Amino acid sequence: MRNPRVRSILCSLLHSSAMMLAALGLLAGCVSPPGHPDWIRVGATTKHDVIERYGPSDMVIASPDGDTAVYRPIAATPRLEIPTAQVGPPGTAVSSMQRIVPGLGAHDLNRERTELLRSGIRIRYVSRGIVQELSSP
């Protein structure tokens, strides 16, 4: 392009388009809070649907307005160990730490559950078991 005016207009349009795309990208990140599953719909999703997908909650807070289920991410679940003692050579005992396996080593019967949480969520249900509120802990 030989005309400097046309060239400057095209350059300014290119830079403003890039800025507009960056602004839209940042706004798109604000639409849904991070870590909140998109499939849970307030007023429509049931407690049964959530349990089927994530399993039982880590904690339940009961209130007259409805229960609140708290789900922690897998990485936040503490590893529990207990000391054990066994008989060793005559007159001695051998102690070691043994990990506690939730469910007493039972196999997961819900093979369809494939989704794991990356961040914790709180789900408040109305008395009928419908999701009323979804928030971060």
C-alpha atoms as a PDB file:
ATOM      1  CA  MET A   1       0.000   0.000   0.000  1.00  0.00           C
ATOM      2  CA  ARG A   2       1.381   3.286  -1.032  1.00  0.00           C
ATOM      3  CA  ASN A   3      -1.143   5.561   0.660  1.00  0.00           C
ATOM      4  CA  PRO A   4      -0.014   6.171   4.277  1.00  0.00           C
ATOM      5  CA  ARG A   5      -3.497   7.264   5.390  1.00  0.00           C
ATOM      6  CA  VAL A   6      -5.138   4.004   4.236  1.00  0.00           C
ATOM      7  CA  ARG A   7      -2.334   2.060   5.830  1.00  0.00           C
ATOM      8  CA  SER A   8      -2.770   3.794   9.204  1.00  0.00           C
ATOM      9  CA  ILE A   9      -6.558   3.203   9.116  1.00  0.00           C
ATOM     10  CA  LEU A  10      -6.056  -0.513   8.432  1.00  0.00           C
ATOM     11  CA  CYS A  11      -3.479  -0.790  11.230  1.00  0.00           C
ATOM     12  CA  SER A  12      -5.791   0.944  13.712  1.00  0.00           C
ATOM     13  CA  LEU A  13      -8.666  -1.375  12.716  1.00  0.00           C
ATOM     14  CA  LEU A  14      -6.447  -4.392  13.207  1.00  0.00           C
ATOM     15  CA  HIS A  15      -5.343  -3.252  16.667  1.00  0.00           C
ATOM     16  CA  SER A  16      -8.876  -2.320  17.743  1.00  0.00           C
ATOM     17  CA  SER A  17     -10.157  -5.738  16.572  1.00  0.00           C
ATOM     18  CA  ALA A  18      -7.497  -7.478  18.629  1.00  0.00           C
ATOM     19  CA  MET A  19      -8.422  -5.391  21.680  1.00  0.00           C
ATOM     20  CA  MET A  20     -12.117  -6.157  21.178  1.00  0.00           C
ATOM     21  CA  LEU A  21     -11.438  -9.909  20.986  1.00  0.00           C
ATOM     22  CA  ALA A  22      -9.334  -9.741  24.159  1.00  0.00           C
ATOM     23  CA  ALA A  23     -12.102  -7.843  25.983  1.00  0.00           C
ATOM     24  CA  LEU A  24     -14.729 -10.366  24.845  1.00  0.00           C
ATOM     25  CA  GLY A  25     -12.511 -13.213  26.017  1.00  0.00           C
ATOM     26  CA  LEU A  26     -12.188 -11.662  29.459  1.00  0.00           C
ATOM     27  CA  LEU A  27     -15.930 -11.067  29.677  1.00  0.00           C
ATOM     28  CA  ALA A  28     -16.661 -14.648  28.653  1.00  0.00           C
ATOM     29  CA  GLY A  29     -14.639 -15.815  31.648  1.00  0.00           C
ATOM     30  CA  CYS A  30     -16.984 -13.847  33.922  1.00  0.00           C
ATOM     31  CA  VAL A  31     -20.149 -15.516  32.651  1.00  0.00           C
ATOM     32  CA  SER A  32     -19.864 -18.620  34.832  1.00  0.00           C
ATOM     33  CA  PRO A  33     -17.825 -18.916  38.017  1.00  0.00           C
ATOM     34  CA  PRO A  34     -14.751 -21.124  37.617  1.00  0.00           C
ATOM     35  CA  GLY A  35     -15.210 -24.723  38.594  1.00  0.00           C
ATOM     36  CA  HIS A  36     -18.995 -24.639  38.518  1.00  0.00           C
ATOM     37  CA  PRO A  37     -20.364 -27.423  36.375  1.00  0.00           C
ATOM     38  CA  ASP A  38     -22.417 -26.181  33.426  1.00  0.00           C
ATOM     39  CA  TRP A  39     -24.807 -29.113  33.533  1.00  0.00           C
ATOM     40  CA  ILE A  40     -26.280 -28.172  36.952  1.00  0.00           C
ATOM     41  CA  ARG A  41     -29.303 -25.910  36.401  1.00  0.00           C
ATOM     42  CA  VAL A  42     -30.835 -24.067  39.360  1.00  0.00           C
ATOM     43  CA  GLY A  43     -34.510 -24.964  39.662  1.00  0.00           C
ATOM     44  CA  ALA A  44     -34.245 -27.978  37.341  1.00  0.00           C
ATOM     45  CA  THR A  45     -31.442 -30.367  38.372  1.00  0.00           C
ATOM     46  CA  THR A  46     -32.369 -32.845  41.109  1.00  0.00           C
ATOM     47  CA  LYS A  47     -30.361 -34.179  44.032  1.00  0.00           C
ATOM     48  CA  HIS A  48     -30.565 -37.622  42.441  1.00  0.00           C
ATOM     49  CA  ASP A  49     -28.906 -36.285  39.261  1.00  0.00           C
ATOM     50  CA  VAL A  50     -26.022 -34.777  41.243  1.00  0.00           C
ATOM     51  CA  ILE A  51     -25.461 -37.923  43.332  1.00  0.00           C
ATOM     52  CA  GLU A  52     -25.569 -40.063  40.200  1.00  0.00           C
ATOM     53  CA  ARG A  53     -22.826 -37.938  38.626  1.00  0.00           C
ATOM     54  CA  TYR A  54     -20.563 -37.174  41.627  1.00  0.00           C
ATOM     55  CA  GLY A  55     -21.569 -39.740  44.240  1.00  0.00           C
ATOM     56  CA  PRO A  56     -22.481 -38.883  47.827  1.00  0.00           C
ATOM     57  CA  SER A  57     -21.348 -35.490  49.108  1.00  0.00           C
ATOM     58  CA  ASP A  58     -18.419 -35.078  51.496  1.00  0.00           C
ATOM     59  CA  MET A  59     -20.563 -33.158  53.985  1.00  0.00           C
ATOM     60  CA  VAL A  60     -24.237 -32.205  54.366  1.00  0.00           C
ATOM     61  CA  ILE A  61     -25.361 -29.082  56.232  1.00  0.00           C
ATOM     62  CA  ALA A  62     -28.996 -29.427  57.315  1.00  0.00           C
ATOM     63  CA  SER A  63     -31.213 -26.369  57.697  1.00  0.00           C
ATOM     64  CA  PRO A  64     -34.960 -25.669  57.721  1.00  0.00           C
ATOM     65  CA  ASP A  65     -34.693 -24.052  54.258  1.00  0.00           C
ATOM     66  CA  GLY A  66     -33.113 -27.161  52.739  1.00  0.00           C
ATOM     67  CA  ASP A  67     -29.920 -29.201  52.852  1.00  0.00           C
ATOM     68  CA  THR A  68     -26.578 -27.984  51.510  1.00  0.00           C
ATOM     69  CA  ALA A  69     -24.280 -30.628  50.034  1.00  0.00           C
ATOM     70  CA  VAL A  70     -20.560 -29.849  50.041  1.00  0.00           C
ATOM     71  CA  TYR A  71     -18.326 -31.533  47.483  1.00  0.00           C
ATOM     72  CA  ARG A  72     -14.563 -31.201  47.820  1.00  0.00           C
ATOM     73  CA  PRO A  73     -12.174 -31.766  44.946  1.00  0.00           C
ATOM     74  CA  ILE A  74     -10.451 -35.145  44.910  1.00  0.00           C
ATOM     75  CA  ALA A  75      -7.033 -33.610  45.658  1.00  0.00           C
ATOM     76  CA  ALA A  76      -8.413 -31.914  48.801  1.00  0.00           C
ATOM     77  CA  THR A  77      -9.512 -35.173  50.392  1.00  0.00           C
ATOM     78  CA  PRO A  78      -7.074 -35.857  53.209  1.00  0.00           C
ATOM     79  CA  ARG A  79      -5.179 -39.113  53.226  1.00  0.00           C
ATOM     80  CA  LEU A  80      -5.996 -40.886  56.469  1.00  0.00           C
ATOM     81  CA  GLU A  81      -3.568 -43.268  58.115  1.00  0.00           C
ATOM     82  CA  ILE A  82      -3.585 -45.146  61.392  1.00  0.00           C
ATOM     83  CA  PRO A  83      -0.714 -46.752  63.266  1.00  0.00           C
ATOM     84  CA  THR A  84      -0.785 -50.532  63.366  1.00  0.00           C
ATOM     85  CA  ALA A  85       1.233 -52.921  65.468  1.00  0.00           C
ATOM     86  CA  GLN A  86       2.120 -56.490  64.617  1.00  0.00           C
ATOM     87  CA  VAL A  87       3.950 -59.179  66.462  1.00  0.00           C
ATOM     88  CA  GLY A  88       7.585 -59.294  65.431  1.00  0.00           C
ATOM     89  CA  PRO A  89      10.430 -61.535  66.530  1.00  0.00           C
ATOM     90  CA  PRO A  90       9.929 -62.986  70.010  1.00  0.00           C
ATOM     91  CA  GLY A  91       9.584 -60.200  72.550  1.00  0.00           C
ATOM     92  CA  THR A  92       9.205 -57.357  69.993  1.00  0.00           C
ATOM     93  CA  ALA A  93       6.488 -55.571  68.072  1.00  0.00           C
ATOM     94  CA  VAL A  94       6.661 -53.970  64.637  1.00  0.00           C
ATOM     95  CA  SER A  95       4.629 -50.808  64.032  1.00  0.00           C
ATOM     96  CA  SER A  96       3.763 -49.159  60.752  1.00  0.00           C
ATOM     97  CA  MET A  97       1.280 -46.679  59.300  1.00  0.00           C
ATOM     98  CA  GLN A  98      -1.598 -48.119  57.286  1.00  0.00           C
ATOM     99  CA  ARG A  99      -3.787 -46.042  54.965  1.00  0.00           C
ATOM    100  CA  ILE A 100      -7.517 -46.054  55.627  1.00  0.00           C
ATOM    101  CA  VAL A 101      -9.373 -46.840  52.408  1.00  0.00           C
ATOM    102  CA  PRO A 102     -12.839 -45.218  52.264  1.00  0.00           C
ATOM    103  CA  GLY A 103     -15.599 -47.782  51.883  1.00  0.00           C
ATOM    104  CA  LEU A 104     -13.442 -50.455  53.499  1.00  0.00           C
ATOM    105  CA  GLY A 105     -11.917 -51.352  50.146  1.00  0.00           C
ATOM    106  CA  ALA A 106     -15.274 -51.820  48.408  1.00  0.00           C
ATOM    107  CA  HIS A 107     -15.292 -51.419  44.643  1.00  0.00           C
ATOM    108  CA  ASP A 108     -17.120 -48.478  43.102  1.00  0.00           C
ATOM    109  CA  LEU A 109     -20.388 -49.873  41.789  1.00  0.00           C
ATOM    110  CA  ASN A 110     -21.241 -46.671  39.927  1.00  0.00           C
ATOM    111  CA  ARG A 111     -19.105 -47.224  36.819  1.00  0.00           C
ATOM    112  CA  GLU A 112     -20.918 -44.459  34.913  1.00  0.00           C
ATOM    113  CA  ARG A 113     -19.521 -41.765  37.209  1.00  0.00           C
ATOM    114  CA  THR A 114     -16.608 -40.384  35.241  1.00  0.00           C
ATOM    115  CA  GLU A 115     -16.651 -36.739  36.236  1.00  0.00           C
ATOM    116  CA  LEU A 116     -14.332 -35.504  38.976  1.00  0.00           C
ATOM    117  CA  LEU A 117     -14.451 -32.048  40.502  1.00  0.00           C
ATOM    118  CA  ARG A 118     -11.474 -29.740  40.021  1.00  0.00           C
ATOM    119  CA  SER A 119     -12.706 -27.308  42.681  1.00  0.00           C
ATOM    120  CA  GLY A 120     -15.143 -27.613  45.540  1.00  0.00           C
ATOM    121  CA  ILE A 121     -18.801 -26.663  45.243  1.00  0.00           C
ATOM    122  CA  ARG A 122     -21.769 -26.188  47.572  1.00  0.00           C
ATOM    123  CA  ILE A 123     -25.207 -27.163  46.332  1.00  0.00           C
ATOM    124  CA  ARG A 124     -28.275 -26.062  48.294  1.00  0.00           C
ATOM    125  CA  TYR A 125     -31.440 -28.064  47.679  1.00  0.00           C
ATOM    126  CA  VAL A 126     -35.039 -27.123  48.422  1.00  0.00           C
ATOM    127  CA  SER A 127     -37.084 -29.643  50.401  1.00  0.00           C
ATOM    128  CA  ARG A 128     -38.175 -31.423  47.191  1.00  0.00           C
ATOM    129  CA  GLY A 129     -34.552 -32.172  46.282  1.00  0.00           C
ATOM    130  CA  ILE A 130     -34.215 -29.567  43.494  1.00  0.00           C
ATOM    131  CA  VAL A 131     -31.037 -27.453  43.238  1.00  0.00           C
ATOM    132  CA  GLN A 132     -31.771 -23.986  44.631  1.00  0.00           C
ATOM    133  CA  GLU A 133     -28.280 -22.473  44.764  1.00  0.00           C
ATOM    134  CA  LEU A 134     -24.789 -23.304  43.531  1.00  0.00           C
ATOM    135  CA  SER A 135     -21.699 -21.674  45.039  1.00  0.00           C
ATOM    136  CA  SER A 136     -18.018 -22.125  45.855  1.00  0.00           C
ATOM    137  CA  PRO A 137     -17.117 -23.090  49.424  1.00  0.00           C
END
